[in-house]
C-alpha atoms as a PDB file:
ATOM      1  CA  UNK A   1      93.253 104.086 103.301  1.00  0.00           C
ATOM      2  CA  UNK A   2      90.239 105.076 101.291  1.00  0.00           C
ATOM      3  CA  UNK A   3      87.396 106.744 102.122  1.00  0.00           C
ATOM      4  CA  UNK A   4      83.962 104.942 102.982  1.00  0.00           C
ATOM      5  CA  UNK A   5      81.969 107.809 101.566  1.00  0.00           C
ATOM      6  CA  UNK A   6      80.238 106.698  98.438  1.00  0.00           C
ATOM      7  CA  UNK A   7      80.629 108.644  95.273  1.00  0.00           C
ATOM      8  CA  UNK A   8      78.274 110.877  93.655  1.00  0.00           C
ATOM      9  CA  UNK A   9      78.349 111.377  90.011  1.00  0.00           C
ATOM     10  CA  UNK A  10      76.317 113.444  87.145  1.00  0.00           C
ATOM     11  CA  UNK A  11      74.431 111.332  85.347  1.00  0.00           C
ATOM     12  CA  UNK A  12      76.431 111.587  82.029  1.00  0.00           C
ATOM     13  CA  UNK A  13      79.866 110.884  84.202  1.00  0.00           C
ATOM     14  CA  UNK A  14      78.160 107.539  85.664  1.00  0.00           C
ATOM     15  CA  UNK A  15      77.085 106.898  81.983  1.00  0.00           C
ATOM     16  CA  UNK A  16      80.637 107.038  81.154  1.00  0.00           C
ATOM     17  CA  UNK A  17      81.914 104.768  84.233  1.00  0.00           C
ATOM     18  CA  UNK A  18      79.242 102.152  83.514  1.00  0.00           C
ATOM     19  CA  UNK A  19      80.177 101.787  79.834  1.00  0.00           C
ATOM     20  CA  UNK A  20      84.190 101.488  81.143  1.00  0.00           C
ATOM     21  CA  UNK A  21      82.808  99.214  83.747  1.00  0.00           C
ATOM     22  CA  UNK A  22      81.496  96.800  80.424  1.00  0.00           C
ATOM     23  CA  UNK A  23      85.036  95.657  80.297  1.00  0.00           C
ATOM     24  CA  UNK A  24      85.369  94.637  83.933  1.00  0.00           C
ATOM     25  CA  UNK A  25      85.171  91.756  85.810  1.00  0.00           C
ATOM     26  CA  UNK A  26      85.872  90.704  89.443  1.00  0.00           C
ATOM     27  CA  UNK A  27      86.486  86.963  90.215  1.00  0.00           C
ATOM     28  CA  UNK A  28      85.900  86.353  93.880  1.00  0.00           C
ATOM     29  CA  UNK A  29      83.995  84.568  96.323  1.00  0.00           C
ATOM     30  CA  UNK A  30      81.793  85.543  99.407  1.00  0.00           C
ATOM     31  CA  UNK A  31      83.606  84.621 102.422  1.00  0.00           C
ATOM     32  CA  UNK A  32      87.260  85.848 101.228  1.00  0.00           C
ATOM     33  CA  UNK A  33      88.182  89.200 103.299  1.00  0.00           C
ATOM     34  CA  UNK A  34      90.334  90.227 100.375  1.00  0.00           C
ATOM     35  CA  UNK A  35      87.670  89.998  97.670  1.00  0.00           C
ATOM     36  CA  UNK A  36      85.197  91.938 100.376  1.00  0.00           C
ATOM     37  CA  UNK A  37      87.719  94.636 100.112  1.00  0.00           C
ATOM     38  CA  UNK A  38      87.479  95.041  96.455  1.00  0.00           C
ATOM     39  CA  UNK A  39      83.672  94.778  96.946  1.00  0.00           C
ATOM     40  CA  UNK A  40      83.744  97.665  99.138  1.00  0.00           C
ATOM     41  CA  UNK A  41      85.445  99.754  96.904  1.00  0.00           C
ATOM     42  CA  UNK A  42      83.357  99.007  93.854  1.00  0.00           C
ATOM     43  CA  UNK A  43      80.260  99.916  95.805  1.00  0.00           C
ATOM     44  CA  UNK A  44      82.076 102.815  97.420  1.00  0.00           C
ATOM     45  CA  UNK A  45      83.083 103.808  93.775  1.00  0.00           C
ATOM     46  CA  UNK A  46      79.295 102.556  92.136  1.00  0.00           C
ATOM     47  CA  UNK A  47      80.927 100.738  89.994  1.00  0.00           C
ATOM     48  CA  UNK A  48      78.674  98.320  88.004  1.00  0.00           C
ATOM     49  CA  UNK A  49      81.306  95.661  87.720  1.00  0.00           C
ATOM     50  CA  UNK A  50      80.192  91.541  86.930  1.00  0.00           C
ATOM     51  CA  UNK A  51      80.762  89.626  90.055  1.00  0.00           C
ATOM     52  CA  UNK A  52      82.014  86.144  88.797  1.00  0.00           C
ATOM     53  CA  UNK A  53      81.718  83.591  91.563  1.00  0.00           C
ATOM     54  CA  UNK A  54      84.533  80.946  91.732  1.00  0.00           C
ATOM     55  CA  UNK A  55      83.238  79.054  94.098  1.00  0.00           C
ATOM     56  CA  UNK A  56      79.468  79.055  93.266  1.00  0.00           C
ATOM     57  CA  UNK A  57      80.373  78.614  89.446  1.00  0.00           C
ATOM     58  CA  UNK A  58      82.993  76.018  88.582  1.00  0.00           C
ATOM     59  CA  UNK A  59      83.160  77.605  84.768  1.00  0.00           C
ATOM     60  CA  UNK A  60      84.407  80.956  86.418  1.00  0.00           C
ATOM     61  CA  UNK A  61      86.999  78.912  88.288  1.00  0.00           C
ATOM     62  CA  UNK A  62      87.999  77.569  85.167  1.00  0.00           C
ATOM     63  CA  UNK A  63      87.846  80.921  82.957  1.00  0.00           C
ATOM     64  CA  UNK A  64      90.210  82.134  86.015  1.00  0.00           C
ATOM     65  CA  UNK A  65      92.706  79.279  85.384  1.00  0.00           C
ATOM     66  CA  UNK A  66      92.847  79.377  81.771  1.00  0.00           C
ATOM     67  CA  UNK A  67      93.126  83.522  81.747  1.00  0.00           C
ATOM     68  CA  UNK A  68      95.199  83.999  84.565  1.00  0.00           C
ATOM     69  CA  UNK A  69      96.717  80.920  84.972  1.00  0.00           C
ATOM     70  CA  UNK A  70      95.729  80.585  88.909  1.00  0.00           C
ATOM     71  CA  UNK A  71      92.662  80.224  90.698  1.00  0.00           C
ATOM     72  CA  UNK A  72      93.416  83.011  93.265  1.00  0.00           C
ATOM     73  CA  UNK A  73      90.730  85.575  93.927  1.00  0.00           C
ATOM     74  CA  UNK A  74      89.905  88.116  94.198  1.00  0.00           C
ATOM     75  CA  UNK A  75      91.231  88.773  90.371  1.00  0.00           C
ATOM     76  CA  UNK A  76      90.180  91.797  88.074  1.00  0.00           C
ATOM     77  CA  UNK A  77      89.484  90.867  84.503  1.00  0.00           C
ATOM     78  CA  UNK A  78      90.576  94.000  82.354  1.00  0.00           C
ATOM     79  CA  UNK A  79      89.852  94.098  78.551  1.00  0.00           C
ATOM     80  CA  UNK A  80      92.140  96.600  76.826  1.00  0.00           C
ATOM     81  CA  UNK A  81      90.747  98.925  74.272  1.00  0.00           C
ATOM     82  CA  UNK A  82      93.215  96.687  71.968  1.00  0.00           C
ATOM     83  CA  UNK A  83      91.262  93.484  72.978  1.00  0.00           C
ATOM     84  CA  UNK A  84      94.110  92.196  74.695  1.00  0.00           C
ATOM     85  CA  UNK A  85      92.901  91.268  78.343  1.00  0.00           C
ATOM     86  CA  UNK A  86      95.148  91.761  81.764  1.00  0.00           C
ATOM     87  CA  UNK A  87      94.422  89.984  84.711  1.00  0.00           C
ATOM     88  CA  UNK A  88      95.165  91.399  88.031  1.00  0.00           C
ATOM     89  CA  UNK A  89      95.413  89.991  91.454  1.00  0.00           C
ATOM     90  CA  UNK A  90      96.130  91.121  94.764  1.00  0.00           C
ATOM     91  CA  UNK A  91      93.303  93.416  96.397  1.00  0.00           C
ATOM     92  CA  UNK A  92      95.684  96.221  96.805  1.00  0.00           C
ATOM     93  CA  UNK A  93      96.543  96.519  93.792  1.00  0.00           C
ATOM     94  CA  UNK A  94      93.192  96.103  92.523  1.00  0.00           C
ATOM     95  CA  UNK A  95      91.650  98.987  94.890  1.00  0.00           C
ATOM     96  CA  UNK A  96      94.377 101.310  93.569  1.00  0.00           C
ATOM     97  CA  UNK A  97      93.572 100.798  90.105  1.00  0.00           C
ATOM     98  CA  UNK A  98      89.796 101.190  90.484  1.00  0.00           C
ATOM     99  CA  UNK A  99      90.871 104.290  92.366  1.00  0.00           C
ATOM    100  CA  UNK A 100      93.069 105.900  90.112  1.00  0.00           C
ATOM    101  CA  UNK A 101      90.675 105.051  86.930  1.00  0.00           C
ATOM    102  CA  UNK A 102      87.441 106.002  88.464  1.00  0.00           C
ATOM    103  CA  UNK A 103      87.697 107.786  92.321  1.00  0.00           C
END
């Protein structure tokens, strides 16, 4: 289980995190408990990840279907340095990835 204490970083370290997060987007919807787990992790790690609500914006739902192959949420879209895109489903997997990368 992850700590609920918000993480603190130097301004320089946070700037690096902010830059890295420009290549991430979370497809979610508000009332999904699994999505809430991921949003809590994002908040705890102070990550400025774009949130794309698939219930409120049909374009996001369509992008998720076209890119990831299914409309299940949560899904983290990860754009890699080589331009390829990974679509990561499952809240536990997403939270582990965020903790390893930014924790």
